[in-house]
Amino acid sequence: MADDHPGNRTWLERLRHVFSGDPQTRDELLDQLRDAEHSDLLDSEALRIIEGALQVSEMQVREIMIPRSQMVCVKSEDNPEQFLPEVIESAHSRFPVIGDTKDEILGIMLAKDLLPLILEDNRKNFDIKNHLRHAAVVPESKRLNVLLNDFRTNRNHMAIVIDEYGGVAGLVTIEDVLEQIVGDIEDEYDVDEDSFIKPLGNDEFVVKALTPIEDFNEHFKTTFSDEEFDTIGGIVMQKFGHLPKRNEKVSIDDFCFQILNADNRRIRLLRVTHA
């Protein structure tokens, strides 16, 4: 009889008990998961990861990609003396190699392939075309869960993003996708200030909710007050009056804010357009 006492149940058994009524929609599933978290049957961090995993199936590459204007590329005709300073400063591990323009992607160069330049001091004989890796190409509309599966299957870490006309719109990495699930993956080289606001084109922007109001005002020439809130996410949350879910929209002054990513505690990512 002692084995049947609720206190002796494993957490998995208790979680199954909570889910005894099968959810019919994704919202019902999330509600049950949040109830489980409130009942201490599910860790809050685990809940956030589950919510992120569910959200990536609804998100598209265009929402998280690094836009064309911010791509750090290496020109195929450049010699090491020309491209090494930018490679070192950016501290990335992979670089698109281009021809005359960013629309001409010849391949991907790995930073580790440059080590012989230093170890052997062989810069004069270095030919970048001998170190090119295949560049995966994906459309802006590709779902993130499908992209993540492609990354795993093909063992790629980076893909070039193209628009509907076949031009290069930006790039996306496996880290960008994983961050939508587990949150920001930061290292000693990350500089958040440089990636708070990313243009998508057509007067649309992806903006981190943690963007300081001062930076938002400077970029969009707005005059939002920072007396009550420090971030643009705080202003958006106040306007909603509740913790919004993905795809909810609200207009503030001349701007429309759409929720791209949020968990049960905070807004994480916004799409900003002129209303």
C-alpha atoms as a PDB file:
ATOM      1  CA  MET A   1       0.000   0.000   0.000  1.00  0.00           C
ATOM      2  CA  ALA A   2       2.913   2.328   0.745  1.00  0.00           C
ATOM      3  CA  ASP A   3       3.938   2.248  -2.897  1.00  0.00           C
ATOM      4  CA  ASP A   4       0.587   3.803  -3.864  1.00  0.00           C
ATOM      5  CA  HIS A   5       1.052   6.875  -1.698  1.00  0.00           C
ATOM      6  CA  PRO A   6       1.250  10.057  -3.861  1.00  0.00           C
ATOM      7  CA  GLY A   7       4.508  11.026  -2.206  1.00  0.00           C
ATOM      8  CA  ASN A   8       6.137   7.839  -3.484  1.00  0.00           C
ATOM      9  CA  ARG A   9       5.244   8.442  -7.115  1.00  0.00           C
ATOM     10  CA  THR A  10       7.992   9.401  -9.503  1.00  0.00           C
ATOM     11  CA  TRP A  11       7.802  12.836 -11.102  1.00  0.00           C
ATOM     12  CA  LEU A  12       7.004  11.153 -14.431  1.00  0.00           C
ATOM     13  CA  GLU A  13       4.029   9.324 -12.926  1.00  0.00           C
ATOM     14  CA  ARG A  14       2.749  12.527 -11.374  1.00  0.00           C
ATOM     15  CA  LEU A  15       3.165  14.324 -14.694  1.00  0.00           C
ATOM     16  CA  ARG A  16       1.156  11.591 -16.414  1.00  0.00           C
ATOM     17  CA  HIS A  17      -1.547  12.063 -13.830  1.00  0.00           C
ATOM     18  CA  VAL A  18      -1.754  15.781 -14.690  1.00  0.00           C
ATOM     19  CA  PHE A  19      -2.100  14.876 -18.372  1.00  0.00           C
ATOM     20  CA  SER A  20      -4.848  12.318 -17.783  1.00  0.00           C
ATOM     21  CA  GLY A  21      -7.120  14.449 -20.000  1.00  0.00           C
ATOM     22  CA  ASP A  22      -5.559  14.553 -23.452  1.00  0.00           C
ATOM     23  CA  PRO A  23      -5.110  18.124 -24.797  1.00  0.00           C
ATOM     24  CA  GLN A  24      -6.838  18.779 -28.117  1.00  0.00           C
ATOM     25  CA  THR A  25      -4.854  21.850 -29.180  1.00  0.00           C
ATOM     26  CA  ARG A  26      -1.366  23.246 -28.711  1.00  0.00           C
ATOM     27  CA  ASP A  27      -2.716  25.954 -26.417  1.00  0.00           C
ATOM     28  CA  GLU A  28      -4.353  23.308 -24.226  1.00  0.00           C
ATOM     29  CA  LEU A  29      -1.072  21.411 -24.112  1.00  0.00           C
ATOM     30  CA  LEU A  30       0.800  24.546 -23.052  1.00  0.00           C
ATOM     31  CA  ASP A  31      -1.832  25.293 -20.412  1.00  0.00           C
ATOM     32  CA  GLN A  32      -1.367  21.804 -18.967  1.00  0.00           C
ATOM     33  CA  LEU A  33       2.405  22.187 -18.990  1.00  0.00           C
ATOM     34  CA  ARG A  34       2.115  25.508 -17.164  1.00  0.00           C
ATOM     35  CA  ASP A  35      -0.223  23.950 -14.625  1.00  0.00           C
ATOM     36  CA  ALA A  36       2.377  21.236 -14.106  1.00  0.00           C
ATOM     37  CA  GLU A  37       5.038  23.896 -13.574  1.00  0.00           C
ATOM     38  CA  HIS A  38       2.851  25.736 -11.061  1.00  0.00           C
ATOM     39  CA  SER A  39       2.362  22.441  -9.216  1.00  0.00           C
ATOM     40  CA  ASP A  40       6.141  21.891  -9.117  1.00  0.00           C
ATOM     41  CA  LEU A  41       5.834  18.849 -11.360  1.00  0.00           C
ATOM     42  CA  LEU A  42       7.885  20.481 -14.082  1.00  0.00           C
ATOM     43  CA  ASP A  43      10.958  22.651 -13.681  1.00  0.00           C
ATOM     44  CA  SER A  44      10.504  26.216 -14.957  1.00  0.00           C
ATOM     45  CA  GLU A  45      13.618  25.948 -17.111  1.00  0.00           C
ATOM     46  CA  ALA A  46      12.356  22.710 -18.662  1.00  0.00           C
ATOM     47  CA  LEU A  47       9.025  24.409 -19.374  1.00  0.00           C
ATOM     48  CA  ARG A  48      10.794  27.291 -21.109  1.00  0.00           C
ATOM     49  CA  ILE A  49      12.733  24.858 -23.317  1.00  0.00           C
ATOM     50  CA  ILE A  50       9.558  22.932 -24.216  1.00  0.00           C
ATOM     51  CA  GLU A  51       7.817  26.195 -25.102  1.00  0.00           C
ATOM     52  CA  GLY A  52      10.783  27.197 -27.251  1.00  0.00           C
ATOM     53  CA  ALA A  53      10.780  23.834 -29.026  1.00  0.00           C
ATOM     54  CA  LEU A  54       7.087  24.238 -29.823  1.00  0.00           C
ATOM     55  CA  GLN A  55       7.615  27.785 -31.085  1.00  0.00           C
ATOM     56  CA  VAL A  56      10.349  26.892 -33.588  1.00  0.00           C
ATOM     57  CA  SER A  57       7.840  24.791 -35.519  1.00  0.00           C
ATOM     58  CA  GLU A  58       5.894  28.007 -36.191  1.00  0.00           C
ATOM     59  CA  MET A  59       8.846  30.299 -36.902  1.00  0.00           C
ATOM     60  CA  GLN A  60      10.538  30.904 -40.234  1.00  0.00           C
ATOM     61  CA  VAL A  61      14.181  31.505 -41.088  1.00  0.00           C
ATOM     62  CA  ARG A  62      13.537  35.170 -41.983  1.00  0.00           C
ATOM     63  CA  GLU A  63      12.631  35.867 -38.348  1.00  0.00           C
ATOM     64  CA  ILE A  64      16.040  34.961 -36.919  1.00  0.00           C
ATOM     65  CA  MET A  65      18.520  35.223 -39.799  1.00  0.00           C
ATOM     66  CA  ILE A  66      21.517  37.510 -39.796  1.00  0.00           C
ATOM     67  CA  PRO A  67      20.619  40.027 -42.531  1.00  0.00           C
ATOM     68  CA  ARG A  68      22.752  40.475 -45.621  1.00  0.00           C
ATOM     69  CA  SER A  69      24.011  43.867 -44.437  1.00  0.00           C
ATOM     70  CA  GLN A  70      25.505  42.312 -41.293  1.00  0.00           C
ATOM     71  CA  MET A  71      27.140  39.293 -42.942  1.00  0.00           C
ATOM     72  CA  VAL A  72      30.906  39.086 -42.459  1.00  0.00           C
ATOM     73  CA  CYS A  73      32.193  37.748 -45.767  1.00  0.00           C
ATOM     74  CA  VAL A  74      35.567  37.005 -47.307  1.00  0.00           C
ATOM     75  CA  LYS A  75      36.216  37.941 -50.938  1.00  0.00           C
ATOM     76  CA  SER A  76      37.715  35.148 -52.988  1.00  0.00           C
ATOM     77  CA  GLU A  77      40.356  37.388 -54.573  1.00  0.00           C
ATOM     78  CA  ASP A  78      41.591  38.819 -51.258  1.00  0.00           C
ATOM     79  CA  ASN A  79      44.906  37.649 -49.858  1.00  0.00           C
ATOM     80  CA  PRO A  80      45.354  36.756 -46.156  1.00  0.00           C
ATOM     81  CA  GLU A  81      46.703  40.190 -45.290  1.00  0.00           C
ATOM     82  CA  GLN A  82      43.429  41.678 -46.518  1.00  0.00           C
ATOM     83  CA  PHE A  83      40.881  39.362 -44.912  1.00  0.00           C
ATOM     84  CA  LEU A  84      42.618  38.172 -41.711  1.00  0.00           C
ATOM     85  CA  PRO A  85      42.069  41.397 -39.690  1.00  0.00           C
ATOM     86  CA  GLU A  86      38.276  41.223 -40.129  1.00  0.00           C
ATOM     87  CA  VAL A  87      38.231  37.461 -39.526  1.00  0.00           C
ATOM     88  CA  ILE A  88      40.110  37.914 -36.261  1.00  0.00           C
ATOM     89  CA  GLU A  89      37.993  40.873 -35.139  1.00  0.00           C
ATOM     90  CA  SER A  90      34.668  39.138 -35.785  1.00  0.00           C
ATOM     91  CA  ALA A  91      35.791  35.927 -34.015  1.00  0.00           C
ATOM     92  CA  HIS A  92      33.317  33.848 -36.039  1.00  0.00           C
ATOM     93  CA  SER A  93      34.075  30.238 -36.874  1.00  0.00           C
ATOM     94  CA  ARG A  94      32.626  30.247 -40.415  1.00  0.00           C
ATOM     95  CA  PHE A  95      32.633  32.805 -43.218  1.00  0.00           C
ATOM     96  CA  PRO A  96      30.810  32.946 -46.550  1.00  0.00           C
ATOM     97  CA  VAL A  97      33.272  33.365 -49.404  1.00  0.00           C
ATOM     98  CA  ILE A  98      31.919  35.583 -52.169  1.00  0.00           C
ATOM     99  CA  GLY A  99      32.819  36.604 -55.699  1.00  0.00           C
ATOM    100  CA  ASP A 100      32.065  40.087 -56.970  1.00  0.00           C
ATOM    101  CA  THR A 101      28.975  40.589 -54.763  1.00  0.00           C
ATOM    102  CA  LYS A 102      27.250  38.936 -51.800  1.00  0.00           C
ATOM    103  CA  ASP A 103      24.848  37.308 -54.258  1.00  0.00           C
ATOM    104  CA  GLU A 104      27.738  35.206 -55.567  1.00  0.00           C
ATOM    105  CA  ILE A 105      28.391  32.737 -52.758  1.00  0.00           C
ATOM    106  CA  LEU A 106      31.271  30.423 -53.686  1.00  0.00           C
ATOM    107  CA  GLY A 107      31.359  28.445 -50.467  1.00  0.00           C
ATOM    108  CA  ILE A 108      32.052  28.533 -46.740  1.00  0.00           C
ATOM    109  CA  MET A 109      35.483  28.940 -45.169  1.00  0.00           C
ATOM    110  CA  LEU A 110      36.189  27.591 -41.684  1.00  0.00           C
ATOM    111  CA  ALA A 111      38.385  29.665 -39.409  1.00  0.00           C
ATOM    112  CA  LYS A 112      40.277  26.535 -38.322  1.00  0.00           C
ATOM    113  CA  ASP A 113      41.484  26.081 -41.894  1.00  0.00           C
ATOM    114  CA  LEU A 114      43.449  29.298 -41.477  1.00  0.00           C
ATOM    115  CA  LEU A 115      45.643  27.912 -38.703  1.00  0.00           C
ATOM    116  CA  PRO A 116      48.361  26.724 -41.117  1.00  0.00           C
ATOM    117  CA  LEU A 117      48.806  30.352 -42.167  1.00  0.00           C
ATOM    118  CA  ILE A 118      50.056  31.096 -38.679  1.00  0.00           C
ATOM    119  CA  LEU A 119      51.802  27.832 -37.874  1.00  0.00           C
ATOM    120  CA  GLU A 120      53.626  27.518 -41.180  1.00  0.00           C
ATOM    121  CA  ASP A 121      53.820  31.194 -42.151  1.00  0.00           C
ATOM    122  CA  ASN A 122      52.645  30.158 -45.601  1.00  0.00           C
ATOM    123  CA  ARG A 123      50.529  33.158 -46.559  1.00  0.00           C
ATOM    124  CA  LYS A 124      52.058  33.649 -49.990  1.00  0.00           C
ATOM    125  CA  ASN A 125      51.006  30.196 -51.162  1.00  0.00           C
ATOM    126  CA  PHE A 126      47.550  30.265 -49.584  1.00  0.00           C
ATOM    127  CA  ASP A 127      44.692  29.868 -52.060  1.00  0.00           C
ATOM    128  CA  ILE A 128      41.312  30.349 -50.446  1.00  0.00           C
ATOM    129  CA  LYS A 129      39.585  28.307 -53.161  1.00  0.00           C
ATOM    130  CA  ASN A 130      41.376  25.200 -51.893  1.00  0.00           C
ATOM    131  CA  HIS A 131      39.629  25.568 -48.534  1.00  0.00           C
ATOM    132  CA  LEU A 132      36.020  26.109 -49.564  1.00  0.00           C
ATOM    133  CA  ARG A 133      33.253  23.986 -48.037  1.00  0.00           C
ATOM    134  CA  HIS A 134      29.824  23.503 -49.556  1.00  0.00           C
ATOM    135  CA  ALA A 135      27.382  26.318 -48.790  1.00  0.00           C
ATOM    136  CA  ALA A 136      23.891  25.094 -47.899  1.00  0.00           C
ATOM    137  CA  VAL A 137      21.120  27.320 -49.254  1.00  0.00           C
ATOM    138  CA  VAL A 138      17.649  27.718 -47.705  1.00  0.00           C
ATOM    139  CA  PRO A 139      14.656  29.961 -48.460  1.00  0.00           C
ATOM    140  CA  GLU A 140      13.494  32.670 -46.059  1.00  0.00           C
ATOM    141  CA  SER A 141      10.222  30.815 -45.533  1.00  0.00           C
ATOM    142  CA  LYS A 142      11.766  27.575 -44.272  1.00  0.00           C
ATOM    143  CA  ARG A 143      10.457  26.453 -40.878  1.00  0.00           C
ATOM    144  CA  LEU A 144      13.038  26.418 -38.119  1.00  0.00           C
ATOM    145  CA  ASN A 145      12.229  22.884 -36.972  1.00  0.00           C
ATOM    146  CA  VAL A 146      12.791  21.617 -40.533  1.00  0.00           C
ATOM    147  CA  LEU A 147      16.020  23.610 -40.790  1.00  0.00           C
ATOM    148  CA  LEU A 148      17.287  22.196 -37.493  1.00  0.00           C
ATOM    149  CA  ASN A 149      16.628  18.671 -38.728  1.00  0.00           C
ATOM    150  CA  ASP A 150      18.491  19.480 -41.970  1.00  0.00           C
ATOM    151  CA  PHE A 151      21.441  20.825 -39.990  1.00  0.00           C
ATOM    152  CA  ARG A 152      21.598  17.607 -37.964  1.00  0.00           C
ATOM    153  CA  THR A 153      21.165  15.312 -40.962  1.00  0.00           C
ATOM    154  CA  ASN A 154      23.698  17.061 -43.197  1.00  0.00           C
ATOM    155  CA  ARG A 155      26.031  18.090 -40.362  1.00  0.00           C
ATOM    156  CA  ASN A 156      25.937  21.716 -41.450  1.00  0.00           C
ATOM    157  CA  HIS A 157      26.301  24.617 -39.044  1.00  0.00           C
ATOM    158  CA  MET A 158      25.514  27.479 -41.398  1.00  0.00           C
ATOM    159  CA  ALA A 159      23.175  28.101 -44.328  1.00  0.00           C
ATOM    160  CA  ILE A 160      22.842  30.961 -46.797  1.00  0.00           C
ATOM    161  CA  VAL A 161      19.317  32.411 -46.879  1.00  0.00           C
ATOM    162  CA  ILE A 162      17.849  33.466 -50.218  1.00  0.00           C
ATOM    163  CA  ASP A 163      14.777  35.573 -50.944  1.00  0.00           C
ATOM    164  CA  GLU A 164      11.977  34.844 -53.400  1.00  0.00           C
ATOM    165  CA  TYR A 165      14.029  36.286 -56.269  1.00  0.00           C
ATOM    166  CA  GLY A 166      17.065  34.106 -55.583  1.00  0.00           C
ATOM    167  CA  GLY A 167      19.151  36.893 -54.079  1.00  0.00           C
ATOM    168  CA  VAL A 168      21.054  36.461 -50.818  1.00  0.00           C
ATOM    169  CA  ALA A 169      18.967  37.774 -47.926  1.00  0.00           C
ATOM    170  CA  GLY A 170      21.278  36.751 -45.099  1.00  0.00           C
ATOM    171  CA  LEU A 171      22.589  33.707 -43.301  1.00  0.00           C
ATOM    172  CA  VAL A 172      21.493  31.485 -40.429  1.00  0.00           C
ATOM    173  CA  THR A 173      23.443  29.200 -38.116  1.00  0.00           C
ATOM    174  CA  ILE A 174      22.501  26.221 -35.983  1.00  0.00           C
ATOM    175  CA  GLU A 175      23.225  28.386 -32.935  1.00  0.00           C
ATOM    176  CA  ASP A 176      20.583  30.888 -34.064  1.00  0.00           C
ATOM    177  CA  VAL A 177      17.989  28.096 -34.117  1.00  0.00           C
ATOM    178  CA  LEU A 178      19.042  26.566 -30.806  1.00  0.00           C
ATOM    179  CA  GLU A 179      18.838  29.973 -29.124  1.00  0.00           C
ATOM    180  CA  GLN A 180      15.118  30.037 -29.908  1.00  0.00           C
ATOM    181  CA  ILE A 181      14.766  26.870 -27.809  1.00  0.00           C
ATOM    182  CA  VAL A 182      17.199  27.272 -24.928  1.00  0.00           C
ATOM    183  CA  GLY A 183      17.717  31.042 -24.891  1.00  0.00           C
ATOM    184  CA  ASP A 184      20.757  33.111 -25.748  1.00  0.00           C
ATOM    185  CA  ILE A 185      23.983  31.154 -26.093  1.00  0.00           C
ATOM    186  CA  GLU A 186      26.621  33.681 -25.177  1.00  0.00           C
ATOM    187  CA  ASP A 187      30.380  33.431 -25.267  1.00  0.00           C
ATOM    188  CA  GLU A 188      33.180  35.854 -24.573  1.00  0.00           C
ATOM    189  CA  TYR A 189      32.966  37.242 -28.093  1.00  0.00           C
ATOM    190  CA  ASP A 190      29.235  38.068 -28.120  1.00  0.00           C
ATOM    191  CA  VAL A 191      28.409  41.758 -28.214  1.00  0.00           C
ATOM    192  CA  ASP A 192      24.677  42.049 -27.642  1.00  0.00           C
ATOM    193  CA  GLU A 193      24.601  45.749 -28.443  1.00  0.00           C
ATOM    194  CA  ASP A 194      25.370  44.972 -32.070  1.00  0.00           C
ATOM    195  CA  SER A 195      22.477  42.576 -32.516  1.00  0.00           C
ATOM    196  CA  PHE A 196      19.549  44.161 -30.647  1.00  0.00           C
ATOM    197  CA  ILE A 197      17.961  45.380 -33.895  1.00  0.00           C
ATOM    198  CA  LYS A 198      18.135  43.511 -37.204  1.00  0.00           C
ATOM    199  CA  PRO A 199      16.547  44.859 -40.418  1.00  0.00           C
ATOM    200  CA  LEU A 200      14.515  42.395 -42.478  1.00  0.00           C
ATOM    201  CA  GLY A 201      13.845  44.689 -45.414  1.00  0.00           C
ATOM    202  CA  ASN A 202      10.552  46.257 -46.487  1.00  0.00           C
ATOM    203  CA  ASP A 203      10.713  48.507 -43.423  1.00  0.00           C
ATOM    204  CA  GLU A 204      10.500  45.529 -41.044  1.00  0.00           C
ATOM    205  CA  PHE A 205      12.833  44.808 -38.143  1.00  0.00           C
ATOM    206  CA  VAL A 206      13.428  42.027 -35.641  1.00  0.00           C
ATOM    207  CA  VAL A 207      14.080  43.599 -32.243  1.00  0.00           C
ATOM    208  CA  LYS A 208      15.118  41.961 -28.993  1.00  0.00           C
ATOM    209  CA  ALA A 209      12.719  42.800 -26.179  1.00  0.00           C
ATOM    210  CA  LEU A 210      15.756  43.616 -24.026  1.00  0.00           C
ATOM    211  CA  THR A 211      16.743  46.462 -26.338  1.00  0.00           C
ATOM    212  CA  PRO A 212      17.342  49.541 -24.160  1.00  0.00           C
ATOM    213  CA  ILE A 213      14.773  52.249 -24.836  1.00  0.00           C
ATOM    214  CA  GLU A 214      17.569  54.716 -25.469  1.00  0.00           C
ATOM    215  CA  ASP A 215      18.949  52.501 -28.265  1.00  0.00           C
ATOM    216  CA  PHE A 216      15.467  51.957 -29.713  1.00  0.00           C
ATOM    217  CA  ASN A 217      14.814  55.710 -29.752  1.00  0.00           C
ATOM    218  CA  GLU A 218      18.137  56.389 -31.415  1.00  0.00           C
ATOM    219  CA  HIS A 219      17.591  53.796 -34.135  1.00  0.00           C
ATOM    220  CA  PHE A 220      13.937  54.578 -34.924  1.00  0.00           C
ATOM    221  CA  LYS A 221      14.023  58.324 -34.117  1.00  0.00           C
ATOM    222  CA  THR A 222      11.316  57.840 -31.463  1.00  0.00           C
ATOM    223  CA  THR A 223      10.839  59.498 -28.078  1.00  0.00           C
ATOM    224  CA  PHE A 224       9.663  56.676 -25.807  1.00  0.00           C
ATOM    225  CA  SER A 225      10.207  57.503 -22.140  1.00  0.00           C
ATOM    226  CA  ASP A 226      12.648  55.443 -20.107  1.00  0.00           C
ATOM    227  CA  GLU A 227      11.437  56.732 -16.743  1.00  0.00           C
ATOM    228  CA  GLU A 228       9.243  53.705 -15.999  1.00  0.00           C
ATOM    229  CA  PHE A 229      10.891  50.978 -18.115  1.00  0.00           C
ATOM    230  CA  ASP A 230      14.447  50.296 -19.245  1.00  0.00           C
ATOM    231  CA  THR A 231      13.660  48.157 -22.286  1.00  0.00           C
ATOM    232  CA  ILE A 232      11.288  48.294 -25.235  1.00  0.00           C
ATOM    233  CA  GLY A 233       9.851  44.983 -24.059  1.00  0.00           C
ATOM    234  CA  GLY A 234       8.628  46.671 -20.881  1.00  0.00           C
ATOM    235  CA  ILE A 235       6.733  49.300 -22.866  1.00  0.00           C
ATOM    236  CA  VAL A 236       5.184  46.646 -25.109  1.00  0.00           C
ATOM    237  CA  MET A 237       4.170  44.517 -22.105  1.00  0.00           C
ATOM    238  CA  GLN A 238       2.509  47.506 -20.465  1.00  0.00           C
ATOM    239  CA  LYS A 239       0.552  48.250 -23.628  1.00  0.00           C
ATOM    240  CA  PHE A 240      -0.759  44.682 -23.837  1.00  0.00           C
ATOM    241  CA  GLY A 241      -1.697  44.641 -20.156  1.00  0.00           C
ATOM    242  CA  HIS A 242      -0.856  40.927 -19.997  1.00  0.00           C
ATOM    243  CA  LEU A 243       1.916  38.542 -20.985  1.00  0.00           C
ATOM    244  CA  PRO A 244       1.293  38.223 -24.740  1.00  0.00           C
ATOM    245  CA  LYS A 245       1.615  35.061 -26.774  1.00  0.00           C
ATOM    246  CA  ARG A 246       3.326  34.550 -30.106  1.00  0.00           C
ATOM    247  CA  ASN A 247       1.816  36.496 -33.045  1.00  0.00           C
ATOM    248  CA  GLU A 248      -0.178  38.896 -30.842  1.00  0.00           C
ATOM    249  CA  LYS A 249       0.110  42.473 -32.086  1.00  0.00           C
ATOM    250  CA  VAL A 250      -0.169  45.897 -30.537  1.00  0.00           C
ATOM    251  CA  SER A 251       0.232  49.403 -31.965  1.00  0.00           C
ATOM    252  CA  ILE A 252       2.159  52.073 -30.095  1.00  0.00           C
ATOM    253  CA  ASP A 253       2.406  55.513 -31.687  1.00  0.00           C
ATOM    254  CA  ASP A 254       3.407  54.912 -35.322  1.00  0.00           C
ATOM    255  CA  PHE A 255       4.707  51.371 -34.809  1.00  0.00           C
ATOM    256  CA  CYS A 256       3.216  47.883 -34.823  1.00  0.00           C
ATOM    257  CA  PHE A 257       4.811  45.367 -32.463  1.00  0.00           C
ATOM    258  CA  GLN A 258       4.262  41.672 -33.160  1.00  0.00           C
ATOM    259  CA  ILE A 259       5.388  39.007 -30.684  1.00  0.00           C
ATOM    260  CA  LEU A 260       7.778  36.593 -32.386  1.00  0.00           C
ATOM    261  CA  ASN A 261       9.010  34.756 -29.327  1.00  0.00           C
ATOM    262  CA  ALA A 262       7.856  34.722 -25.715  1.00  0.00           C
ATOM    263  CA  ASP A 263       7.732  32.239 -22.875  1.00  0.00           C
ATOM    264  CA  ASN A 264       5.620  32.121 -19.733  1.00  0.00           C
ATOM    265  CA  ARG A 265       7.729  34.791 -18.055  1.00  0.00           C
ATOM    266  CA  ARG A 266       8.838  37.355 -20.611  1.00  0.00           C
ATOM    267  CA  ILE A 267       8.818  38.627 -24.166  1.00  0.00           C
ATOM    268  CA  ARG A 268      11.983  37.715 -26.020  1.00  0.00           C
ATOM    269  CA  LEU A 269      11.669  38.812 -29.646  1.00  0.00           C
ATOM    270  CA  LEU A 270       9.568  41.383 -31.537  1.00  0.00           C
ATOM    271  CA  ARG A 271       8.825  42.202 -35.147  1.00  0.00           C
ATOM    272  CA  VAL A 272       8.597  45.970 -35.541  1.00  0.00           C
ATOM    273  CA  THR A 273       6.992  47.741 -38.504  1.00  0.00           C
ATOM    274  CA  HIS A 274       5.683  51.229 -39.132  1.00  0.00           C
ATOM    275  CA  ALA A 275       1.923  51.165 -38.534  1.00  0.00           C
END
